[in-house]
């Protein structure tokens, strides 16, 4: 959403390769509807082609991670994205302060 909204902090990632999962895509679709974004289908079409399936054991690991952080406000899609990034050997791009000091994070503020 930060990229779609034109946040300047994310400008250096505009041409980066995108990897998302179904959970992140679902969150994107919801936010586009919630924000009453004009022509949400143009965004969903653009990002749908970048979906990579999440292995069931990654989901299980992500939910264990989330449970260990139950006192923090982290979303299911973010936890899955974080574990998925680790498994794929790429960095997890986020501006969520809860992830700031973890390894394998590309933190943007």
C-alpha atoms as a PDB file:
ATOM      1  CA  UNK A   1       0.000   0.000   0.000  1.00  0.00           C
ATOM      2  CA  UNK A   2       2.876   2.377   0.697  1.00  0.00           C
ATOM      3  CA  UNK A   3       4.086   2.037  -2.891  1.00  0.00           C
ATOM      4  CA  UNK A   4       0.574   2.474  -4.282  1.00  0.00           C
ATOM      5  CA  UNK A   5       0.073   5.538  -2.086  1.00  0.00           C
ATOM      6  CA  UNK A   6       3.313   7.025  -3.379  1.00  0.00           C
ATOM      7  CA  UNK A   7       5.282   7.068  -0.121  1.00  0.00           C
ATOM      8  CA  UNK A   8       8.647   8.607  -0.969  1.00  0.00           C
ATOM      9  CA  UNK A   9      10.469   6.270   1.415  1.00  0.00           C
ATOM     10  CA  UNK A  10       9.628   3.404  -0.958  1.00  0.00           C
ATOM     11  CA  UNK A  11      10.748   5.088  -4.201  1.00  0.00           C
ATOM     12  CA  UNK A  12      13.957   3.070  -4.368  1.00  0.00           C
ATOM     13  CA  UNK A  13      11.852  -0.128  -4.514  1.00  0.00           C
ATOM     14  CA  UNK A  14       9.633   0.889  -7.443  1.00  0.00           C
ATOM     15  CA  UNK A  15      11.663  -1.155  -9.930  1.00  0.00           C
ATOM     16  CA  UNK A  16      12.495  -4.021  -7.561  1.00  0.00           C
ATOM     17  CA  UNK A  17      11.364  -7.568  -8.223  1.00  0.00           C
ATOM     18  CA  UNK A  18       8.137  -8.234  -6.356  1.00  0.00           C
ATOM     19  CA  UNK A  19       7.255 -11.431  -4.524  1.00  0.00           C
ATOM     20  CA  UNK A  20       3.974 -11.612  -2.644  1.00  0.00           C
ATOM     21  CA  UNK A  21       1.823 -14.423  -1.354  1.00  0.00           C
ATOM     22  CA  UNK A  22      -1.944 -14.994  -1.381  1.00  0.00           C
ATOM     23  CA  UNK A  23      -2.316 -13.667   2.153  1.00  0.00           C
ATOM     24  CA  UNK A  24      -0.573 -10.395   1.313  1.00  0.00           C
ATOM     25  CA  UNK A  25      -2.575 -10.183  -1.907  1.00  0.00           C
ATOM     26  CA  UNK A  26      -5.809 -10.643   0.060  1.00  0.00           C
ATOM     27  CA  UNK A  27      -4.766  -7.853   2.421  1.00  0.00           C
ATOM     28  CA  UNK A  28      -3.996  -5.639  -0.582  1.00  0.00           C
ATOM     29  CA  UNK A  29      -7.426  -6.318  -2.116  1.00  0.00           C
ATOM     30  CA  UNK A  30      -9.152  -5.536   1.170  1.00  0.00           C
ATOM     31  CA  UNK A  31      -7.239  -2.278   1.658  1.00  0.00           C
ATOM     32  CA  UNK A  32      -8.005  -1.155  -1.894  1.00  0.00           C
ATOM     33  CA  UNK A  33     -11.710  -1.669  -1.210  1.00  0.00           C
ATOM     34  CA  UNK A  34     -11.559  -0.119   2.256  1.00  0.00           C
ATOM     35  CA  UNK A  35      -9.780   2.963   0.927  1.00  0.00           C
ATOM     36  CA  UNK A  36     -12.273   3.184  -1.957  1.00  0.00           C
ATOM     37  CA  UNK A  37      -9.353   3.276  -4.373  1.00  0.00           C
ATOM     38  CA  UNK A  38     -10.442   4.113  -7.907  1.00  0.00           C
ATOM     39  CA  UNK A  39     -10.062   1.211 -10.325  1.00  0.00           C
ATOM     40  CA  UNK A  40      -8.807  -1.364  -7.781  1.00  0.00           C
ATOM     41  CA  UNK A  41      -8.746  -4.006 -10.516  1.00  0.00           C
ATOM     42  CA  UNK A  42      -5.801  -2.271 -12.165  1.00  0.00           C
ATOM     43  CA  UNK A  43      -3.760  -2.793  -8.992  1.00  0.00           C
ATOM     44  CA  UNK A  44      -4.886  -6.361  -8.393  1.00  0.00           C
ATOM     45  CA  UNK A  45      -4.102  -7.276 -11.990  1.00  0.00           C
ATOM     46  CA  UNK A  46      -0.647  -5.696 -11.672  1.00  0.00           C
ATOM     47  CA  UNK A  47       0.274  -7.535  -8.459  1.00  0.00           C
ATOM     48  CA  UNK A  48      -1.510 -10.863  -9.021  1.00  0.00           C
ATOM     49  CA  UNK A  49       1.186 -12.006 -11.422  1.00  0.00           C
ATOM     50  CA  UNK A  50       3.766 -11.774  -8.612  1.00  0.00           C
ATOM     51  CA  UNK A  51       2.063 -14.237  -6.263  1.00  0.00           C
ATOM     52  CA  UNK A  52       4.217 -17.117  -5.042  1.00  0.00           C
ATOM     53  CA  UNK A  53       2.506 -19.966  -3.220  1.00  0.00           C
ATOM     54  CA  UNK A  54       3.252 -20.488   0.447  1.00  0.00           C
ATOM     55  CA  UNK A  55       4.216 -23.976   1.569  1.00  0.00           C
ATOM     56  CA  UNK A  56       2.076 -25.375   4.405  1.00  0.00           C
ATOM     57  CA  UNK A  57       5.091 -25.791   6.683  1.00  0.00           C
ATOM     58  CA  UNK A  58       5.919 -22.091   6.165  1.00  0.00           C
ATOM     59  CA  UNK A  59       2.436 -21.189   7.370  1.00  0.00           C
ATOM     60  CA  UNK A  60       2.869 -23.402  10.405  1.00  0.00           C
ATOM     61  CA  UNK A  61       6.234 -21.777  11.189  1.00  0.00           C
ATOM     62  CA  UNK A  62       4.731 -18.312  10.685  1.00  0.00           C
ATOM     63  CA  UNK A  63       1.884 -19.034  13.107  1.00  0.00           C
ATOM     64  CA  UNK A  64       4.366 -20.284  15.712  1.00  0.00           C
ATOM     65  CA  UNK A  65       6.290 -17.057  15.194  1.00  0.00           C
ATOM     66  CA  UNK A  66       3.102 -14.995  15.552  1.00  0.00           C
ATOM     67  CA  UNK A  67       2.068 -16.908  18.671  1.00  0.00           C
ATOM     68  CA  UNK A  68       5.470 -16.218  20.226  1.00  0.00           C
ATOM     69  CA  UNK A  69       4.739 -12.529  19.575  1.00  0.00           C
ATOM     70  CA  UNK A  70       1.120 -12.608  20.760  1.00  0.00           C
ATOM     71  CA  UNK A  71       1.725  -9.513  22.891  1.00  0.00           C
ATOM     72  CA  UNK A  72       2.604  -7.494  19.771  1.00  0.00           C
ATOM     73  CA  UNK A  73       0.283  -6.326  17.034  1.00  0.00           C
ATOM     74  CA  UNK A  74       1.600  -8.188  14.003  1.00  0.00           C
ATOM     75  CA  UNK A  75      -0.655  -9.386  11.219  1.00  0.00           C
ATOM     76  CA  UNK A  76      -0.925 -12.914   9.911  1.00  0.00           C
ATOM     77  CA  UNK A  77       0.074 -11.777   6.378  1.00  0.00           C
ATOM     78  CA  UNK A  78       3.182 -10.044   7.757  1.00  0.00           C
ATOM     79  CA  UNK A  79       4.247 -13.112   9.739  1.00  0.00           C
ATOM     80  CA  UNK A  80       3.754 -15.343   6.707  1.00  0.00           C
ATOM     81  CA  UNK A  81       5.604 -12.852   4.497  1.00  0.00           C
ATOM     82  CA  UNK A  82       8.507 -12.707   6.930  1.00  0.00           C
ATOM     83  CA  UNK A  83       8.905 -16.494   7.105  1.00  0.00           C
ATOM     84  CA  UNK A  84       8.420 -16.811   3.348  1.00  0.00           C
ATOM     85  CA  UNK A  85      11.159 -14.262   2.680  1.00  0.00           C
ATOM     86  CA  UNK A  86      13.552 -16.180   4.930  1.00  0.00           C
ATOM     87  CA  UNK A  87      12.749 -19.441   3.147  1.00  0.00           C
ATOM     88  CA  UNK A  88      13.232 -17.859  -0.295  1.00  0.00           C
ATOM     89  CA  UNK A  89      16.469 -16.158   0.738  1.00  0.00           C
ATOM     90  CA  UNK A  90      15.207 -12.622   0.142  1.00  0.00           C
ATOM     91  CA  UNK A  91      14.669  -9.703   2.507  1.00  0.00           C
ATOM     92  CA  UNK A  92      11.246  -8.884   3.903  1.00  0.00           C
ATOM     93  CA  UNK A  93      10.370  -5.274   3.090  1.00  0.00           C
ATOM     94  CA  UNK A  94       8.382  -3.620   5.859  1.00  0.00           C
ATOM     95  CA  UNK A  95       7.816  -0.418   7.722  1.00  0.00           C
ATOM     96  CA  UNK A  96       6.308  -2.226  10.710  1.00  0.00           C
ATOM     97  CA  UNK A  97       8.352  -1.209  13.755  1.00  0.00           C
ATOM     98  CA  UNK A  98       7.835  -4.615  15.369  1.00  0.00           C
ATOM     99  CA  UNK A  99      10.094  -6.176  12.715  1.00  0.00           C
ATOM    100  CA  UNK A 100      12.751  -3.459  12.825  1.00  0.00           C
ATOM    101  CA  UNK A 101      15.581  -5.354  14.561  1.00  0.00           C
ATOM    102  CA  UNK A 102      15.050  -8.811  13.115  1.00  0.00           C
ATOM    103  CA  UNK A 103      17.460 -10.392  10.693  1.00  0.00           C
ATOM    104  CA  UNK A 104      16.488 -10.576   7.029  1.00  0.00           C
ATOM    105  CA  UNK A 105      14.499  -7.332   7.166  1.00  0.00           C
ATOM    106  CA  UNK A 106      14.611  -4.366   4.823  1.00  0.00           C
ATOM    107  CA  UNK A 107      13.139  -1.772   7.155  1.00  0.00           C
ATOM    108  CA  UNK A 108      11.746   1.456   5.709  1.00  0.00           C
ATOM    109  CA  UNK A 109      10.627   4.334   7.873  1.00  0.00           C
END
